[in-house]
Amino acid sequence: METAPTEREMEILKVLWAIEEGSVRDVHARLEPSSGLHFNTIQTQLRIMDDKGLVAHRRQGRSFLYRPLRTREEVSSRFLHKVYDGSVNELMLNMLSSEKLSDKELSELEALIVEARQKKGRTRKGRK
């Protein structure tokens, strides 16, 4: 059974996705200014995440180095399927109606959609 990350685990995963691998000290240095989490809290949380299969560790000297076992894409896909039954349309409609998006953000979304269509078109042409 795959376990979904908690909110705190997501914070730690975001750090590990950014740095790819790091010690408790590395994660703490990035999280502490914004979260105020103590070193021991992060250490305990990483052990729990290791038990849950969200991260793995290896020993380097006296420290453990942690790395994520789930990609950002895997976690977001699981969220999409769990909350929206896999419907990207439902997700986007919900986000567009609940968030106050600026004209700039809407333009950026439109550009991303155009880019996705172009990539999809290139993929189809490459298969023929």
C-alpha atoms as a PDB file:
ATOM      1  CA  MET A   1       0.000   0.000   0.000  1.00  0.00           C
ATOM      2  CA  GLU A   2       1.467   3.325  -1.072  1.00  0.00           C
ATOM      3  CA  THR A   3       1.272   6.085   1.509  1.00  0.00           C
ATOM      4  CA  ALA A   4       0.497   9.675   0.560  1.00  0.00           C
ATOM      5  CA  PRO A   5       2.847  12.246   2.098  1.00  0.00           C
ATOM      6  CA  THR A   6       1.535  14.485   4.859  1.00  0.00           C
ATOM      7  CA  GLU A   7       1.860  18.253   4.612  1.00  0.00           C
ATOM      8  CA  ARG A   8       5.125  18.247   6.609  1.00  0.00           C
ATOM      9  CA  GLU A   9       6.463  15.348   4.544  1.00  0.00           C
ATOM     10  CA  MET A  10       5.699  17.355   1.395  1.00  0.00           C
ATOM     11  CA  GLU A  11       7.820  20.223   2.741  1.00  0.00           C
ATOM     12  CA  ILE A  12      10.726  17.827   3.256  1.00  0.00           C
ATOM     13  CA  LEU A  13      10.210  16.186  -0.148  1.00  0.00           C
ATOM     14  CA  LYS A  14      10.321  19.605  -1.824  1.00  0.00           C
ATOM     15  CA  VAL A  15      13.725  20.223  -0.244  1.00  0.00           C
ATOM     16  CA  LEU A  16      14.997  16.803  -1.291  1.00  0.00           C
ATOM     17  CA  TRP A  17      13.691  17.264  -4.838  1.00  0.00           C
ATOM     18  CA  ALA A  18      15.644  20.524  -4.991  1.00  0.00           C
ATOM     19  CA  ILE A  19      18.915  19.172  -3.556  1.00  0.00           C
ATOM     20  CA  GLU A  20      18.496  15.518  -4.730  1.00  0.00           C
ATOM     21  CA  GLU A  21      20.206  14.131  -1.621  1.00  0.00           C
ATOM     22  CA  GLY A  22      21.013  15.598   1.760  1.00  0.00           C
ATOM     23  CA  SER A  23      21.591  15.097   5.449  1.00  0.00           C
ATOM     24  CA  VAL A  24      19.182  16.065   8.213  1.00  0.00           C
ATOM     25  CA  ARG A  25      21.350  19.167   8.658  1.00  0.00           C
ATOM     26  CA  ASP A  26      20.939  20.083   4.959  1.00  0.00           C
ATOM     27  CA  VAL A  27      17.155  19.706   5.122  1.00  0.00           C
ATOM     28  CA  HIS A  28      16.983  21.585   8.434  1.00  0.00           C
ATOM     29  CA  ALA A  29      19.048  24.488   7.047  1.00  0.00           C
ATOM     30  CA  ARG A  30      16.548  24.951   4.222  1.00  0.00           C
ATOM     31  CA  LEU A  31      13.359  24.437   6.226  1.00  0.00           C
ATOM     32  CA  GLU A  32      14.099  26.069   9.576  1.00  0.00           C
ATOM     33  CA  PRO A  33      13.957  29.727   8.500  1.00  0.00           C
ATOM     34  CA  SER A  34      10.417  29.393   7.092  1.00  0.00           C
ATOM     35  CA  SER A  35       9.012  26.592   9.251  1.00  0.00           C
ATOM     36  CA  GLY A  36      10.812  26.948  12.576  1.00  0.00           C
ATOM     37  CA  LEU A  37      11.082  23.144  12.762  1.00  0.00           C
ATOM     38  CA  HIS A  38      13.725  21.814  15.124  1.00  0.00           C
ATOM     39  CA  PHE A  39      16.559  19.582  13.959  1.00  0.00           C
ATOM     40  CA  ASN A  40      15.246  16.610  15.978  1.00  0.00           C
ATOM     41  CA  THR A  41      11.774  16.996  14.460  1.00  0.00           C
ATOM     42  CA  ILE A  42      13.176  16.800  10.934  1.00  0.00           C
ATOM     43  CA  GLN A  43      15.378  13.860  11.911  1.00  0.00           C
ATOM     44  CA  THR A  44      12.365  11.968  13.290  1.00  0.00           C
ATOM     45  CA  GLN A  45      10.244  12.876  10.281  1.00  0.00           C
ATOM     46  CA  LEU A  46      12.898  11.587   7.864  1.00  0.00           C
ATOM     47  CA  ARG A  47      13.044   8.276   9.770  1.00  0.00           C
ATOM     48  CA  ILE A  48       9.254   7.965   9.494  1.00  0.00           C
ATOM     49  CA  MET A  49       9.401   8.827   5.783  1.00  0.00           C
ATOM     50  CA  ASP A  50      12.091   6.162   5.346  1.00  0.00           C
ATOM     51  CA  ASP A  51       9.810   3.589   7.015  1.00  0.00           C
ATOM     52  CA  LYS A  52       6.929   4.672   4.754  1.00  0.00           C
ATOM     53  CA  GLY A  53       9.048   4.290   1.609  1.00  0.00           C
ATOM     54  CA  LEU A  54       8.995   7.987   0.703  1.00  0.00           C
ATOM     55  CA  VAL A  55      12.765   8.393   1.089  1.00  0.00           C
ATOM     56  CA  ALA A  56      15.820   6.161   1.287  1.00  0.00           C
ATOM     57  CA  HIS A  57      19.076   6.734   3.088  1.00  0.00           C
ATOM     58  CA  ARG A  58      22.712   5.771   2.901  1.00  0.00           C
ATOM     59  CA  ARG A  59      25.388   6.210   5.509  1.00  0.00           C
ATOM     60  CA  GLN A  60      28.201   8.669   4.905  1.00  0.00           C
ATOM     61  CA  GLY A  61      30.541   8.751   7.869  1.00  0.00           C
ATOM     62  CA  ARG A  62      28.403   9.420  10.926  1.00  0.00           C
ATOM     63  CA  SER A  63      25.534  10.939   8.938  1.00  0.00           C
ATOM     64  CA  PHE A  64      22.712   9.552   6.859  1.00  0.00           C
ATOM     65  CA  LEU A  65      22.100  11.077   3.451  1.00  0.00           C
ATOM     66  CA  TYR A  66      18.456  10.988   2.375  1.00  0.00           C
ATOM     67  CA  ARG A  67      17.034  11.002  -1.145  1.00  0.00           C
ATOM     68  CA  PRO A  68      13.428  10.978  -2.330  1.00  0.00           C
ATOM     69  CA  LEU A  69      11.994   7.715  -3.644  1.00  0.00           C
ATOM     70  CA  ARG A  70       8.964   9.417  -5.207  1.00  0.00           C
ATOM     71  CA  THR A  71       9.219  12.063  -7.901  1.00  0.00           C
ATOM     72  CA  ARG A  72       7.184  15.249  -7.866  1.00  0.00           C
ATOM     73  CA  GLU A  73       5.272  13.847 -10.857  1.00  0.00           C
ATOM     74  CA  GLU A  74       4.416  10.601  -9.030  1.00  0.00           C
ATOM     75  CA  VAL A  75       3.157  12.464  -5.968  1.00  0.00           C
ATOM     76  CA  SER A  76       1.097  14.914  -8.010  1.00  0.00           C
ATOM     77  CA  SER A  77      -0.336  12.096 -10.153  1.00  0.00           C
ATOM     78  CA  ARG A  78      -1.361  10.203  -7.016  1.00  0.00           C
ATOM     79  CA  PHE A  79      -3.028  13.384  -5.718  1.00  0.00           C
ATOM     80  CA  LEU A  80      -4.853  13.861  -9.037  1.00  0.00           C
ATOM     81  CA  HIS A  81      -6.185  10.296  -8.949  1.00  0.00           C
ATOM     82  CA  LYS A  82      -7.038  10.325  -5.254  1.00  0.00           C
ATOM     83  CA  VAL A  83      -8.823  13.690  -5.163  1.00  0.00           C
ATOM     84  CA  TYR A  84     -10.106  14.116  -8.740  1.00  0.00           C
ATOM     85  CA  ASP A  85     -10.382  10.498  -9.938  1.00  0.00           C
ATOM     86  CA  GLY A  86      -7.689  11.283 -12.497  1.00  0.00           C
ATOM     87  CA  SER A  87      -9.651  14.091 -14.145  1.00  0.00           C
ATOM     88  CA  VAL A  88      -7.304  16.900 -15.158  1.00  0.00           C
ATOM     89  CA  ASN A  89     -10.360  18.898 -16.276  1.00  0.00           C
ATOM     90  CA  GLU A  90     -11.873  18.752 -12.784  1.00  0.00           C
ATOM     91  CA  LEU A  91      -8.564  19.785 -11.219  1.00  0.00           C
ATOM     92  CA  MET A  92      -8.136  22.734 -13.570  1.00  0.00           C
ATOM     93  CA  LEU A  93     -11.757  23.882 -13.211  1.00  0.00           C
ATOM     94  CA  ASN A  94     -11.425  23.712  -9.443  1.00  0.00           C
ATOM     95  CA  MET A  95      -8.130  25.626  -9.461  1.00  0.00           C
ATOM     96  CA  LEU A  96      -9.415  28.274 -11.859  1.00  0.00           C
ATOM     97  CA  SER A  97     -12.574  28.871  -9.843  1.00  0.00           C
ATOM     98  CA  SER A  98     -10.976  28.833  -6.401  1.00  0.00           C
ATOM     99  CA  GLU A  99      -7.806  30.840  -7.080  1.00  0.00           C
ATOM    100  CA  LYS A 100      -7.639  34.508  -7.929  1.00  0.00           C
ATOM    101  CA  LEU A 101      -5.369  34.265 -10.936  1.00  0.00           C
ATOM    102  CA  SER A 102      -3.806  37.353 -12.432  1.00  0.00           C
ATOM    103  CA  ASP A 103      -3.885  38.056 -16.166  1.00  0.00           C
ATOM    104  CA  LYS A 104      -0.172  37.182 -16.249  1.00  0.00           C
ATOM    105  CA  GLU A 105      -0.785  33.791 -14.608  1.00  0.00           C
ATOM    106  CA  LEU A 106      -3.651  33.045 -17.010  1.00  0.00           C
ATOM    107  CA  SER A 107      -1.401  33.941 -19.952  1.00  0.00           C
ATOM    108  CA  GLU A 108       1.301  31.635 -18.592  1.00  0.00           C
ATOM    109  CA  LEU A 109      -1.236  28.797 -18.319  1.00  0.00           C
ATOM    110  CA  GLU A 110      -2.360  29.419 -21.898  1.00  0.00           C
ATOM    111  CA  ALA A 111       1.274  29.285 -23.056  1.00  0.00           C
ATOM    112  CA  LEU A 112       1.781  25.988 -21.199  1.00  0.00           C
ATOM    113  CA  ILE A 113      -1.291  24.529 -22.908  1.00  0.00           C
ATOM    114  CA  VAL A 114      -0.029  25.618 -26.337  1.00  0.00           C
ATOM    115  CA  GLU A 115       3.382  24.089 -25.554  1.00  0.00           C
ATOM    116  CA  ALA A 116       1.777  20.816 -24.421  1.00  0.00           C
ATOM    117  CA  ARG A 117      -0.267  20.650 -27.647  1.00  0.00           C
ATOM    118  CA  GLN A 118       2.864  21.223 -29.719  1.00  0.00           C
ATOM    119  CA  LYS A 119       4.757  18.484 -27.880  1.00  0.00           C
ATOM    120  CA  LYS A 120       1.839  16.105 -28.281  1.00  0.00           C
ATOM    121  CA  GLY A 121       1.715  16.888 -32.015  1.00  0.00           C
ATOM    122  CA  ARG A 122       5.442  16.187 -32.401  1.00  0.00           C
ATOM    123  CA  THR A 123       5.046  12.889 -30.539  1.00  0.00           C
ATOM    124  CA  ARG A 124       2.202  11.750 -32.816  1.00  0.00           C
ATOM    125  CA  LYS A 125       4.137  12.699 -35.969  1.00  0.00           C
ATOM    126  CA  GLY A 126       7.197  10.817 -34.724  1.00  0.00           C
ATOM    127  CA  ARG A 127       5.193   7.585 -34.366  1.00  0.00           C
ATOM    128  CA  LYS A 128       3.826   7.536 -37.931  1.00  0.00           C
END
